[in-house]
Amino acid sequence: MIKKMTFGLILSFLMISCSKHDDDVNSLSGTFTETLPIHGRSQLKFISRNQVIKKEKGSSIEDKFDYEIVDNIIIMTPIWDNSTTTKFQFELINSSKFHIQNLYPDIPENPITYMTFEKSN
């Protein structure tokens, strides 16, 4: 009986912990600026629970995407072409910092590289 209660408590704790992390990931908001590898090159502005705008330094063009984060993958679909979806590895460090697989085209044979974004004030 005690084993069942202990197991139930542990299972409940794990479920609460996982759902809290999922809520954190899915509640990104505000503007995040690239800090690595090239400081200030890109900005991602999370404008709603499922939309983000990508902007590059020195450009007036803003690309708007629908996004979803599932199991450390961010799935981005441009609003101007919902037939094209791109998946990137994604790791939320805390509410103001995350790592994402390089958003810029790379040579497929090269190792995967990552970008770091931090929340702008």
PDB file of N, CA and C in Angstrom:
ATOM      1  N   MET A   1       0.821  -1.198   0.000  1.00  0.00           N
ATOM      2  CA  MET A   1       0.000   0.000   0.000  1.00  0.00           C
ATOM      3  C   MET A   1       0.867   1.265   0.000  1.00  0.00           C
ATOM      4  N   ILE A   2       1.903   1.266   0.832  1.00  0.00           N
ATOM      5  CA  ILE A   2       2.793   2.432   0.909  1.00  0.00           C
ATOM      6  C   ILE A   2       3.533   2.611  -0.419  1.00  0.00           C
ATOM      7  N   LYS A   3       3.933   1.481  -1.032  1.00  0.00           N
ATOM      8  CA  LYS A   3       4.621   1.561  -2.323  1.00  0.00           C
ATOM      9  C   LYS A   3       3.718   2.202  -3.375  1.00  0.00           C
ATOM     10  N   LYS A   4       2.431   1.831  -3.388  1.00  0.00           N
ATOM     11  CA  LYS A   4       1.491   2.397  -4.353  1.00  0.00           C
ATOM     12  C   LYS A   4       1.309   3.895  -4.130  1.00  0.00           C
ATOM     13  N   MET A   5       1.224   4.298  -2.844  1.00  0.00           N
ATOM     14  CA  MET A   5       1.059   5.720  -2.540  1.00  0.00           C
ATOM     15  C   MET A   5       2.302   6.505  -2.945  1.00  0.00           C
ATOM     16  N   THR A   6       3.483   5.950  -2.659  1.00  0.00           N
ATOM     17  CA  THR A   6       4.733   6.614  -3.028  1.00  0.00           C
ATOM     18  C   THR A   6       4.839   6.738  -4.541  1.00  0.00           C
ATOM     19  N   PHE A   7       4.521   5.653  -5.248  1.00  0.00           N
ATOM     20  CA  PHE A   7       4.552   5.674  -6.706  1.00  0.00           C
ATOM     21  C   PHE A   7       3.575   6.719  -7.241  1.00  0.00           C
ATOM     22  N   GLY A   8       2.366   6.769  -6.659  1.00  0.00           N
ATOM     23  CA  GLY A   8       1.363   7.749  -7.089  1.00  0.00           C
ATOM     24  C   GLY A   8       1.832   9.177  -6.869  1.00  0.00           C
ATOM     25  N   LEU A   9       2.474   9.447  -5.736  1.00  0.00           N
ATOM     26  CA  LEU A   9       2.990  10.786  -5.459  1.00  0.00           C
ATOM     27  C   LEU A   9       4.090  11.177  -6.447  1.00  0.00           C
ATOM     28  N   ILE A  10       4.989  10.251  -6.709  1.00  0.00           N
ATOM     29  CA  ILE A  10       6.080  10.520  -7.661  1.00  0.00           C
ATOM     30  C   ILE A  10       5.510  10.766  -9.050  1.00  0.00           C
ATOM     31  N   LEU A  11       4.572   9.940  -9.466  1.00  0.00           N
ATOM     32  CA  LEU A  11       3.956  10.097 -10.786  1.00  0.00           C
ATOM     33  C   LEU A  11       3.238  11.440 -10.893  1.00  0.00           C
ATOM     34  N   SER A  12       2.513  11.833  -9.851  1.00  0.00           N
ATOM     35  CA  SER A  12       1.826  13.128  -9.846  1.00  0.00           C
ATOM     36  C   SER A  12       2.817  14.276  -9.962  1.00  0.00           C
ATOM     37  N   PHE A  13       3.912  14.199  -9.218  1.00  0.00           N
ATOM     38  CA  PHE A  13       4.932  15.238  -9.268  1.00  0.00           C
ATOM     39  C   PHE A  13       5.518  15.358 -10.677  1.00  0.00           C
ATOM     40  N   LEU A  14       5.819  14.221 -11.294  1.00  0.00           N
ATOM     41  CA  LEU A  14       6.382  14.244 -12.650  1.00  0.00           C
ATOM     42  C   LEU A  14       5.401  14.844 -13.646  1.00  0.00           C
ATOM     43  N   MET A  15       4.127  14.520 -13.526  1.00  0.00           N
ATOM     44  CA  MET A  15       3.134  15.060 -14.451  1.00  0.00           C
ATOM     45  C   MET A  15       3.006  16.572 -14.283  1.00  0.00           C
ATOM     46  N   ILE A  16       3.023  17.050 -13.053  1.00  0.00           N
ATOM     47  CA  ILE A  16       2.939  18.496 -12.810  1.00  0.00           C
ATOM     48  C   ILE A  16       4.175  19.187 -13.357  1.00  0.00           C
ATOM     49  N   SER A  17       5.353  18.610 -13.133  1.00  0.00           N
ATOM     50  CA  SER A  17       6.602  19.203 -13.620  1.00  0.00           C
ATOM     51  C   SER A  17       6.610  19.298 -15.134  1.00  0.00           C
ATOM     52  N   CYS A  18       6.199  18.239 -15.807  1.00  0.00           N
ATOM     53  CA  CYS A  18       6.193  18.237 -17.272  1.00  0.00           C
ATOM     54  C   CYS A  18       5.201  19.249 -17.809  1.00  0.00           C
ATOM     55  N   SER A  19       4.004  19.328 -17.232  1.00  0.00           N
ATOM     56  CA  SER A  19       3.024  20.265 -17.760  1.00  0.00           C
ATOM     57  C   SER A  19       3.466  21.699 -17.505  1.00  0.00           C
ATOM     58  N   LYS A  20       4.162  21.981 -16.418  1.00  0.00           N
ATOM     59  CA  LYS A  20       4.665  23.327 -16.151  1.00  0.00           C
ATOM     60  C   LYS A  20       5.695  23.698 -17.212  1.00  0.00           C
ATOM     61  N   HIS A  21       6.612  22.763 -17.563  1.00  0.00           N
ATOM     62  CA  HIS A  21       7.613  23.044 -18.594  1.00  0.00           C
ATOM     63  C   HIS A  21       6.926  23.297 -19.928  1.00  0.00           C
ATOM     64  N   ASP A  22       5.933  22.478 -20.266  1.00  0.00           N
ATOM     65  CA  ASP A  22       5.217  22.680 -21.525  1.00  0.00           C
ATOM     66  C   ASP A  22       4.557  24.042 -21.559  1.00  0.00           C
ATOM     67  N   ASP A  23       3.975  24.469 -20.430  1.00  0.00           N
ATOM     68  CA  ASP A  23       3.355  25.790 -20.368  1.00  0.00           C
ATOM     69  C   ASP A  23       4.388  26.884 -20.583  1.00  0.00           C
ATOM     70  N   ASP A  24       5.586  26.733 -19.984  1.00  0.00           N
ATOM     71  CA  ASP A  24       6.644  27.726 -20.154  1.00  0.00           C
ATOM     72  C   ASP A  24       7.047  27.836 -21.612  1.00  0.00           C
ATOM     73  N   VAL A  25       7.245  26.696 -22.264  1.00  0.00           N
ATOM     74  CA  VAL A  25       7.664  26.693 -23.660  1.00  0.00           C
ATOM     75  C   VAL A  25       6.600  27.316 -24.540  1.00  0.00           C
ATOM     76  N   ASN A  26       5.344  26.979 -24.282  1.00  0.00           N
ATOM     77  CA  ASN A  26       4.266  27.457 -25.137  1.00  0.00           C
ATOM     78  C   ASN A  26       3.809  28.866 -24.806  1.00  0.00           C
ATOM     79  N   SER A  27       4.412  29.492 -23.799  1.00  0.00           N
ATOM     80  CA  SER A  27       3.999  30.846 -23.453  1.00  0.00           C
ATOM     81  C   SER A  27       5.113  31.856 -23.704  1.00  0.00           C
ATOM     82  N   LEU A  28       5.957  31.596 -24.685  1.00  0.00           N
ATOM     83  CA  LEU A  28       6.984  32.566 -25.041  1.00  0.00           C
ATOM     84  C   LEU A  28       6.312  33.849 -25.510  1.00  0.00           C
ATOM     85  N   SER A  29       6.825  34.968 -25.040  1.00  0.00           N
ATOM     86  CA  SER A  29       6.292  36.244 -25.501  1.00  0.00           C
ATOM     87  C   SER A  29       7.397  37.281 -25.463  1.00  0.00           C
ATOM     88  N   GLY A  30       7.262  38.270 -26.322  1.00  0.00           N
ATOM     89  CA  GLY A  30       8.241  39.337 -26.362  1.00  0.00           C
ATOM     90  C   GLY A  30       9.283  39.124 -27.449  1.00  0.00           C
ATOM     91  N   THR A  31      10.276  40.009 -27.435  1.00  0.00           N
ATOM     92  CA  THR A  31      11.320  40.007 -28.462  1.00  0.00           C
ATOM     93  C   THR A  31      12.598  39.382 -27.916  1.00  0.00           C
ATOM     94  N   PHE A  32      13.136  38.442 -28.684  1.00  0.00           N
ATOM     95  CA  PHE A  32      14.385  37.769 -28.346  1.00  0.00           C
ATOM     96  C   PHE A  32      15.405  38.103 -29.430  1.00  0.00           C
ATOM     97  N   THR A  33      16.615  38.467 -29.010  1.00  0.00           N
ATOM     98  CA  THR A  33      17.674  38.859 -29.934  1.00  0.00           C
ATOM     99  C   THR A  33      18.776  37.807 -29.923  1.00  0.00           C
ATOM    100  N   GLU A  34      19.282  37.491 -31.101  1.00  0.00           N
ATOM    101  CA  GLU A  34      20.384  36.535 -31.224  1.00  0.00           C
ATOM    102  C   GLU A  34      21.613  37.074 -30.497  1.00  0.00           C
ATOM    103  N   THR A  35      22.219  36.225 -29.674  1.00  0.00           N
ATOM    104  CA  THR A  35      23.463  36.591 -28.997  1.00  0.00           C
ATOM    105  C   THR A  35      24.637  35.742 -29.490  1.00  0.00           C
ATOM    106  N   LEU A  36      24.354  34.550 -29.981  1.00  0.00           N
ATOM    107  CA  LEU A  36      25.381  33.673 -30.548  1.00  0.00           C
ATOM    108  C   LEU A  36      24.802  32.955 -31.752  1.00  0.00           C
ATOM    109  N   PRO A  37      25.503  32.701 -32.807  1.00  0.00           N
ATOM    110  CA  PRO A  37      26.919  33.006 -33.006  1.00  0.00           C
ATOM    111  C   PRO A  37      27.191  34.453 -33.417  1.00  0.00           C
ATOM    112  N   ILE A  38      26.165  35.159 -33.940  1.00  0.00           N
ATOM    113  CA  ILE A  38      26.407  36.539 -34.387  1.00  0.00           C
ATOM    114  C   ILE A  38      25.480  37.465 -33.610  1.00  0.00           C
ATOM    115  N   HIS A  39      26.034  38.185 -32.676  1.00  0.00           N
ATOM    116  CA  HIS A  39      25.247  39.037 -31.787  1.00  0.00           C
ATOM    117  C   HIS A  39      24.461  40.092 -32.578  1.00  0.00           C
ATOM    118  N   GLY A  40      23.132  40.113 -32.354  1.00  0.00           N
ATOM    119  CA  GLY A  40      22.285  41.137 -32.947  1.00  0.00           C
ATOM    120  C   GLY A  40      21.850  40.903 -34.382  1.00  0.00           C
ATOM    121  N   ARG A  41      22.250  39.807 -35.000  1.00  0.00           N
ATOM    122  CA  ARG A  41      21.907  39.561 -36.404  1.00  0.00           C
ATOM    123  C   ARG A  41      20.405  39.366 -36.609  1.00  0.00           C
ATOM    124  N   SER A  42      19.753  38.640 -35.709  1.00  0.00           N
ATOM    125  CA  SER A  42      18.340  38.291 -35.887  1.00  0.00           C
ATOM    126  C   SER A  42      17.545  38.586 -34.633  1.00  0.00           C
ATOM    127  N   GLN A  43      16.249  38.804 -34.849  1.00  0.00           N
ATOM    128  CA  GLN A  43      15.315  38.931 -33.742  1.00  0.00           C
ATOM    129  C   GLN A  43      14.117  38.037 -34.014  1.00  0.00           C
ATOM    130  N   LEU A  44      13.622  37.420 -32.957  1.00  0.00           N
ATOM    131  CA  LEU A  44      12.376  36.674 -33.020  1.00  0.00           C
ATOM    132  C   LEU A  44      11.421  37.328 -32.037  1.00  0.00           C
ATOM    133  N   LYS A  45      10.285  37.777 -32.559  1.00  0.00           N
ATOM    134  CA  LYS A  45       9.295  38.445 -31.713  1.00  0.00           C
ATOM    135  C   LYS A  45       8.058  37.556 -31.627  1.00  0.00           C
ATOM    136  N   PHE A  46       7.845  36.982 -30.447  1.00  0.00           N
ATOM    137  CA  PHE A  46       6.702  36.107 -30.218  1.00  0.00           C
ATOM    138  C   PHE A  46       5.510  36.999 -29.896  1.00  0.00           C
ATOM    139  N   ILE A  47       4.551  37.071 -30.844  1.00  0.00           N
ATOM    140  CA  ILE A  47       3.461  38.040 -30.736  1.00  0.00           C
ATOM    141  C   ILE A  47       2.168  37.426 -30.224  1.00  0.00           C
ATOM    142  N   SER A  48       2.076  36.123 -30.229  1.00  0.00           N
ATOM    143  CA  SER A  48       0.907  35.445 -29.677  1.00  0.00           C
ATOM    144  C   SER A  48       1.337  34.041 -29.292  1.00  0.00           C
ATOM    145  N   ARG A  49       0.388  33.284 -28.801  1.00  0.00           N
ATOM    146  CA  ARG A  49       0.690  31.929 -28.344  1.00  0.00           C
ATOM    147  C   ARG A  49       1.208  31.028 -29.477  1.00  0.00           C
ATOM    148  N   ASN A  50       0.950  31.407 -30.725  1.00  0.00           N
ATOM    149  CA  ASN A  50       1.395  30.546 -31.819  1.00  0.00           C
ATOM    150  C   ASN A  50       1.936  31.306 -33.032  1.00  0.00           C
ATOM    151  N   GLN A  51       2.302  32.578 -32.872  1.00  0.00           N
ATOM    152  CA  GLN A  51       2.882  33.325 -33.999  1.00  0.00           C
ATOM    153  C   GLN A  51       4.161  34.034 -33.572  1.00  0.00           C
ATOM    154  N   VAL A  52       5.113  34.043 -34.504  1.00  0.00           N
ATOM    155  CA  VAL A  52       6.398  34.687 -34.267  1.00  0.00           C
ATOM    156  C   VAL A  52       6.801  35.441 -35.527  1.00  0.00           C
ATOM    157  N   ILE A  53       7.472  36.574 -35.338  1.00  0.00           N
ATOM    158  CA  ILE A  53       7.998  37.368 -36.451  1.00  0.00           C
ATOM    159  C   ILE A  53       9.516  37.299 -36.392  1.00  0.00           C
ATOM    160  N   LYS A  54      10.135  36.964 -37.541  1.00  0.00           N
ATOM    161  CA  LYS A  54      11.594  36.927 -37.657  1.00  0.00           C
ATOM    162  C   LYS A  54      12.042  38.163 -38.417  1.00  0.00           C
ATOM    163  N   LYS A  55      12.992  38.876 -37.833  1.00  0.00           N
ATOM    164  CA  LYS A  55      13.512  40.084 -38.450  1.00  0.00           C
ATOM    165  C   LYS A  55      15.028  40.051 -38.384  1.00  0.00           C
ATOM    166  N   GLU A  56      15.661  40.584 -39.437  1.00  0.00           N
ATOM    167  CA  GLU A  56      17.123  40.631 -39.480  1.00  0.00           C
ATOM    168  C   GLU A  56      17.598  42.069 -39.399  1.00  0.00           C
ATOM    169  N   LYS A  57      18.735  42.245 -38.753  1.00  0.00           N
ATOM    170  CA  LYS A  57      19.329  43.566 -38.590  1.00  0.00           C
ATOM    171  C   LYS A  57      19.563  44.207 -39.959  1.00  0.00           C
ATOM    172  N   GLY A  58      19.188  45.464 -40.091  1.00  0.00           N
ATOM    173  CA  GLY A  58      19.416  46.197 -41.325  1.00  0.00           C
ATOM    174  C   GLY A  58      18.383  45.953 -42.410  1.00  0.00           C
ATOM    175  N   SER A  59      17.361  45.172 -42.106  1.00  0.00           N
ATOM    176  CA  SER A  59      16.330  44.873 -43.098  1.00  0.00           C
ATOM    177  C   SER A  59      14.970  45.306 -42.559  1.00  0.00           C
ATOM    178  N   SER A  60      14.142  45.813 -43.442  1.00  0.00           N
ATOM    179  CA  SER A  60      12.787  46.195 -43.033  1.00  0.00           C
ATOM    180  C   SER A  60      11.805  45.033 -43.221  1.00  0.00           C
ATOM    181  N   ILE A  61      12.276  43.935 -43.785  1.00  0.00           N
ATOM    182  CA  ILE A  61      11.416  42.777 -44.037  1.00  0.00           C
ATOM    183  C   ILE A  61      11.202  42.008 -42.742  1.00  0.00           C
ATOM    184  N   GLU A  62       9.952  41.685 -42.471  1.00  0.00           N
ATOM    185  CA  GLU A  62       9.588  40.878 -41.322  1.00  0.00           C
ATOM    186  C   GLU A  62       8.836  39.652 -41.817  1.00  0.00           C
ATOM    187  N   ASP A  63       9.348  38.470 -41.490  1.00  0.00           N
ATOM    188  CA  ASP A  63       8.710  37.221 -41.886  1.00  0.00           C
ATOM    189  C   ASP A  63       7.881  36.703 -40.711  1.00  0.00           C
ATOM    190  N   LYS A  64       6.598  36.445 -40.968  1.00  0.00           N
ATOM    191  CA  LYS A  64       5.689  36.007 -39.915  1.00  0.00           C
ATOM    192  C   LYS A  64       5.416  34.510 -40.066  1.00  0.00           C
ATOM    193  N   PHE A  65       5.489  33.797 -38.951  1.00  0.00           N
ATOM    194  CA  PHE A  65       5.312  32.346 -38.946  1.00  0.00           C
ATOM    195  C   PHE A  65       4.297  31.936 -37.882  1.00  0.00           C
ATOM    196  N   ASP A  66       3.555  30.885 -38.176  1.00  0.00           N
ATOM    197  CA  ASP A  66       2.844  30.149 -37.142  1.00  0.00           C
ATOM    198  C   ASP A  66       3.871  29.177 -36.579  1.00  0.00           C
ATOM    199  N   TYR A  67       3.825  28.930 -35.271  1.00  0.00           N
ATOM    200  CA  TYR A  67       4.780  27.992 -34.695  1.00  0.00           C
ATOM    201  C   TYR A  67       4.117  27.119 -33.647  1.00  0.00           C
ATOM    202  N   GLU A  68       4.752  25.979 -33.430  1.00  0.00           N
ATOM    203  CA  GLU A  68       4.330  25.050 -32.392  1.00  0.00           C
ATOM    204  C   GLU A  68       5.585  24.392 -31.852  1.00  0.00           C
ATOM    205  N   ILE A  69       5.656  24.209 -30.540  1.00  0.00           N
ATOM    206  CA  ILE A  69       6.802  23.551 -29.929  1.00  0.00           C
ATOM    207  C   ILE A  69       6.338  22.215 -29.376  1.00  0.00           C
ATOM    208  N   VAL A  70       6.969  21.130 -29.871  1.00  0.00           N
ATOM    209  CA  VAL A  70       6.628  19.784 -29.452  1.00  0.00           C
ATOM    210  C   VAL A  70       7.924  19.010 -29.221  1.00  0.00           C
ATOM    211  N   ASP A  71       8.102  18.525 -27.999  1.00  0.00           N
ATOM    212  CA  ASP A  71       9.252  17.676 -27.676  1.00  0.00           C
ATOM    213  C   ASP A  71      10.581  18.257 -28.155  1.00  0.00           C
ATOM    214  N   ASN A  72      10.900  19.464 -27.754  1.00  0.00           N
ATOM    215  CA  ASN A  72      12.165  20.126 -28.092  1.00  0.00           C
ATOM    216  C   ASN A  72      12.357  20.350 -29.584  1.00  0.00           C
ATOM    217  N   ILE A  73      11.265  20.450 -30.298  1.00  0.00           N
ATOM    218  CA  ILE A  73      11.277  20.794 -31.721  1.00  0.00           C
ATOM    219  C   ILE A  73      10.327  21.972 -31.904  1.00  0.00           C
ATOM    220  N   ILE A  74      10.780  23.009 -32.602  1.00  0.00           N
ATOM    221  CA  ILE A  74       9.882  24.102 -32.958  1.00  0.00           C
ATOM    222  C   ILE A  74       9.550  23.930 -34.439  1.00  0.00           C
ATOM    223  N   ILE A  75       8.266  23.895 -34.718  1.00  0.00           N
ATOM    224  CA  ILE A  75       7.779  23.710 -36.083  1.00  0.00           C
ATOM    225  C   ILE A  75       7.297  25.077 -36.556  1.00  0.00           C
ATOM    226  N   MET A  76       7.916  25.588 -37.612  1.00  0.00           N
ATOM    227  CA  MET A  76       7.597  26.928 -38.109  1.00  0.00           C
ATOM    228  C   MET A  76       7.002  26.839 -39.513  1.00  0.00           C
ATOM    229  N   THR A  77       5.857  27.490 -39.675  1.00  0.00           N
ATOM    230  CA  THR A  77       5.158  27.503 -40.960  1.00  0.00           C
ATOM    231  C   THR A  77       4.939  28.955 -41.366  1.00  0.00           C
ATOM    232  N   PRO A  78       5.506  29.373 -42.506  1.00  0.00           N
ATOM    233  CA  PRO A  78       5.301  30.762 -42.936  1.00  0.00           C
ATOM    234  C   PRO A  78       3.823  31.018 -43.220  1.00  0.00           C
ATOM    235  N   ILE A  79       3.329  32.176 -42.769  1.00  0.00           N
ATOM    236  CA  ILE A  79       1.904  32.452 -42.991  1.00  0.00           C
ATOM    237  C   ILE A  79       1.584  32.677 -44.461  1.00  0.00           C
ATOM    238  N   TRP A  80       2.587  33.028 -45.270  1.00  0.00           N
ATOM    239  CA  TRP A  80       2.345  33.264 -46.691  1.00  0.00           C
ATOM    240  C   TRP A  80       2.376  31.979 -47.504  1.00  0.00           C
ATOM    241  N   ASP A  81       2.804  30.838 -46.869  1.00  0.00           N
ATOM    242  CA  ASP A  81       2.861  29.567 -47.585  1.00  0.00           C
ATOM    243  C   ASP A  81       2.728  28.430 -46.582  1.00  0.00           C
ATOM    244  N   ASN A  82       1.489  28.070 -46.250  1.00  0.00           N
ATOM    245  CA  ASN A  82       1.307  27.044 -45.227  1.00  0.00           C
ATOM    246  C   ASN A  82       1.609  25.629 -45.711  1.00  0.00           C
ATOM    247  N   SER A  83       2.086  25.490 -46.942  1.00  0.00           N
ATOM    248  CA  SER A  83       2.488  24.167 -47.437  1.00  0.00           C
ATOM    249  C   SER A  83       3.945  23.869 -47.101  1.00  0.00           C
ATOM    250  N   THR A  84       4.674  24.873 -46.601  1.00  0.00           N
ATOM    251  CA  THR A  84       6.084  24.709 -46.267  1.00  0.00           C
ATOM    252  C   THR A  84       6.257  24.797 -44.754  1.00  0.00           C
ATOM    253  N   THR A  85       6.667  23.703 -44.159  1.00  0.00           N
ATOM    254  CA  THR A  85       6.902  23.665 -42.714  1.00  0.00           C
ATOM    255  C   THR A  85       8.346  23.257 -42.473  1.00  0.00           C
ATOM    256  N   THR A  86       8.997  23.940 -41.532  1.00  0.00           N
ATOM    257  CA  THR A  86      10.377  23.620 -41.195  1.00  0.00           C
ATOM    258  C   THR A  86      10.461  23.314 -39.709  1.00  0.00           C
ATOM    259  N   LYS A  87      11.221  22.268 -39.378  1.00  0.00           N
ATOM    260  CA  LYS A  87      11.404  21.859 -37.985  1.00  0.00           C
ATOM    261  C   LYS A  87      12.839  22.171 -37.561  1.00  0.00           C
ATOM    262  N   PHE A  88      12.967  22.750 -36.365  1.00  0.00           N
ATOM    263  CA  PHE A  88      14.275  23.066 -35.793  1.00  0.00           C
ATOM    264  C   PHE A  88      14.346  22.515 -34.370  1.00  0.00           C
ATOM    265  N   GLN A  89      15.511  22.015 -33.999  1.00  0.00           N
ATOM    266  CA  GLN A  89      15.698  21.619 -32.606  1.00  0.00           C
ATOM    267  C   GLN A  89      15.625  22.875 -31.747  1.00  0.00           C
ATOM    268  N   PHE A  90      15.046  22.746 -30.549  1.00  0.00           N
ATOM    269  CA  PHE A  90      14.780  23.894 -29.697  1.00  0.00           C
ATOM    270  C   PHE A  90      14.964  23.501 -28.242  1.00  0.00           C
ATOM    271  N   GLU A  91      15.677  24.346 -27.492  1.00  0.00           N
ATOM    272  CA  GLU A  91      15.853  24.101 -26.060  1.00  0.00           C
ATOM    273  C   GLU A  91      15.622  25.390 -25.285  1.00  0.00           C
ATOM    274  N   LEU A  92      14.591  25.397 -24.469  1.00  0.00           N
ATOM    275  CA  LEU A  92      14.312  26.540 -23.610  1.00  0.00           C
ATOM    276  C   LEU A  92      15.220  26.445 -22.394  1.00  0.00           C
ATOM    277  N   ILE A  93      16.086  27.439 -22.207  1.00  0.00           N
ATOM    278  CA  ILE A  93      16.992  27.466 -21.060  1.00  0.00           C
ATOM    279  C   ILE A  93      16.245  28.023 -19.845  1.00  0.00           C
ATOM    280  N   ASN A  94      15.597  29.153 -20.020  1.00  0.00           N
ATOM    281  CA  ASN A  94      14.729  29.756 -19.008  1.00  0.00           C
ATOM    282  C   ASN A  94      13.784  30.708 -19.739  1.00  0.00           C
ATOM    283  N   SER A  95      12.997  31.471 -19.011  1.00  0.00           N
ATOM    284  CA  SER A  95      11.985  32.312 -19.663  1.00  0.00           C
ATOM    285  C   SER A  95      12.581  33.437 -20.504  1.00  0.00           C
ATOM    286  N   SER A  96      13.887  33.663 -20.391  1.00  0.00           N
ATOM    287  CA  SER A  96      14.499  34.748 -21.158  1.00  0.00           C
ATOM    288  C   SER A  96      15.637  34.285 -22.072  1.00  0.00           C
ATOM    289  N   LYS A  97      15.797  32.975 -22.252  1.00  0.00           N
ATOM    290  CA  LYS A  97      16.904  32.495 -23.085  1.00  0.00           C
ATOM    291  C   LYS A  97      16.567  31.119 -23.662  1.00  0.00           C
ATOM    292  N   PHE A  98      16.908  30.933 -24.959  1.00  0.00           N
ATOM    293  CA  PHE A  98      16.754  29.611 -25.570  1.00  0.00           C
ATOM    294  C   PHE A  98      17.802  29.399 -26.651  1.00  0.00           C
ATOM    295  N   HIS A  99      18.009  28.110 -26.971  1.00  0.00           N
ATOM    296  CA  HIS A  99      18.871  27.703 -28.082  1.00  0.00           C
ATOM    297  C   HIS A  99      17.954  27.150 -29.165  1.00  0.00           C
ATOM    298  N   ILE A 100      18.307  27.428 -30.421  1.00  0.00           N
ATOM    299  CA  ILE A 100      17.538  26.910 -31.554  1.00  0.00           C
ATOM    300  C   ILE A 100      18.519  26.511 -32.642  1.00  0.00           C
ATOM    301  N   GLN A 101      18.177  25.449 -33.340  1.00  0.00           N
ATOM    302  CA  GLN A 101      18.985  25.026 -34.479  1.00  0.00           C
ATOM    303  C   GLN A 101      19.090  26.189 -35.449  1.00  0.00           C
ATOM    304  N   ASN A 102      20.245  26.342 -36.076  1.00  0.00           N
ATOM    305  CA  ASN A 102      20.510  27.475 -36.957  1.00  0.00           C
ATOM    306  C   ASN A 102      19.367  27.686 -37.954  1.00  0.00           C
ATOM    307  N   LEU A 103      18.822  28.891 -37.954  1.00  0.00           N
ATOM    308  CA  LEU A 103      17.700  29.236 -38.834  1.00  0.00           C
ATOM    309  C   LEU A 103      18.144  29.518 -40.270  1.00  0.00           C
ATOM    310  N   TYR A 104      19.440  29.652 -40.470  1.00  0.00           N
ATOM    311  CA  TYR A 104      19.959  29.994 -41.789  1.00  0.00           C
ATOM    312  C   TYR A 104      20.429  28.741 -42.514  1.00  0.00           C
ATOM    313  N   PRO A 105      20.264  28.700 -43.843  1.00  0.00           N
ATOM    314  CA  PRO A 105      20.669  27.514 -44.602  1.00  0.00           C
ATOM    315  C   PRO A 105      22.131  27.169 -44.351  1.00  0.00           C
ATOM    316  N   ASP A 106      22.377  25.879 -44.283  1.00  0.00           N
ATOM    317  CA  ASP A 106      23.723  25.384 -44.012  1.00  0.00           C
ATOM    318  C   ASP A 106      24.002  24.214 -44.947  1.00  0.00           C
ATOM    319  N   ILE A 107      25.249  23.848 -45.042  1.00  0.00           N
ATOM    320  CA  ILE A 107      25.627  22.682 -45.847  1.00  0.00           C
ATOM    321  C   ILE A 107      25.196  21.430 -45.079  1.00  0.00           C
ATOM    322  N   PRO A 108      24.372  20.578 -45.685  1.00  0.00           N
ATOM    323  CA  PRO A 108      23.818  19.421 -44.967  1.00  0.00           C
ATOM    324  C   PRO A 108      24.870  18.497 -44.351  1.00  0.00           C
ATOM    325  N   GLU A 109      26.051  18.420 -44.960  1.00  0.00           N
ATOM    326  CA  GLU A 109      27.079  17.527 -44.457  1.00  0.00           C
ATOM    327  C   GLU A 109      27.743  18.053 -43.182  1.00  0.00           C
ATOM    328  N   ASN A 110      27.625  19.356 -42.931  1.00  0.00           N
ATOM    329  CA  ASN A 110      28.231  19.952 -41.741  1.00  0.00           C
ATOM    330  C   ASN A 110      27.437  19.567 -40.491  1.00  0.00           C
ATOM    331  N   PRO A 111      28.099  19.576 -39.338  1.00  0.00           N
ATOM    332  CA  PRO A 111      27.363  19.307 -38.094  1.00  0.00           C
ATOM    333  C   PRO A 111      26.312  20.392 -37.858  1.00  0.00           C
ATOM    334  N   ILE A 112      25.271  20.028 -37.135  1.00  0.00           N
ATOM    335  CA  ILE A 112      24.210  20.984 -36.803  1.00  0.00           C
ATOM    336  C   ILE A 112      24.798  22.075 -35.912  1.00  0.00           C
ATOM    337  N   THR A 113      24.473  23.320 -36.220  1.00  0.00           N
ATOM    338  CA  THR A 113      24.904  24.435 -35.382  1.00  0.00           C
ATOM    339  C   THR A 113      23.669  25.072 -34.744  1.00  0.00           C
ATOM    340  N   TYR A 114      23.904  25.803 -33.683  1.00  0.00           N
ATOM    341  CA  TYR A 114      22.803  26.377 -32.920  1.00  0.00           C
ATOM    342  C   TYR A 114      22.977  27.870 -32.742  1.00  0.00           C
ATOM    343  N   MET A 115      21.866  28.537 -32.533  1.00  0.00           N
ATOM    344  CA  MET A 115      21.842  29.965 -32.242  1.00  0.00           C
ATOM    345  C   MET A 115      21.304  30.119 -30.818  1.00  0.00           C
ATOM    346  N   THR A 116      21.781  31.152 -30.122  1.00  0.00           N
ATOM    347  CA  THR A 116      21.262  31.470 -28.798  1.00  0.00           C
ATOM    348  C   THR A 116      20.528  32.795 -28.877  1.00  0.00           C
ATOM    349  N   PHE A 117      19.343  32.844 -28.313  1.00  0.00           N
ATOM    350  CA  PHE A 117      18.547  34.061 -28.269  1.00  0.00           C
ATOM    351  C   PHE A 117      18.272  34.415 -26.822  1.00  0.00           C
ATOM    352  N   GLU A 118      18.326  35.712 -26.533  1.00  0.00           N
ATOM    353  CA  GLU A 118      17.993  36.195 -25.190  1.00  0.00           C
ATOM    354  C   GLU A 118      16.942  37.291 -25.314  1.00  0.00           C
ATOM    355  N   LYS A 119      16.080  37.340 -24.330  1.00  0.00           N
ATOM    356  CA  LYS A 119      14.989  38.303 -24.337  1.00  0.00           C
ATOM    357  C   LYS A 119      15.539  39.720 -24.265  1.00  0.00           C
ATOM    358  N   SER A 120      15.036  40.577 -25.140  1.00  0.00           N
ATOM    359  CA  SER A 120      15.448  41.983 -25.182  1.00  0.00           C
ATOM    360  C   SER A 120      14.617  42.754 -24.172  1.00  0.00           C
ATOM    361  N   ASN A 121      15.212  43.795 -23.629  1.00  0.00           N
ATOM    362  CA  ASN A 121      14.468  44.628 -22.661  1.00  0.00           C
ATOM    363  C   ASN A 121      13.641  45.676 -23.347  1.00  0.00           C
TER     364      ASN A 121
END
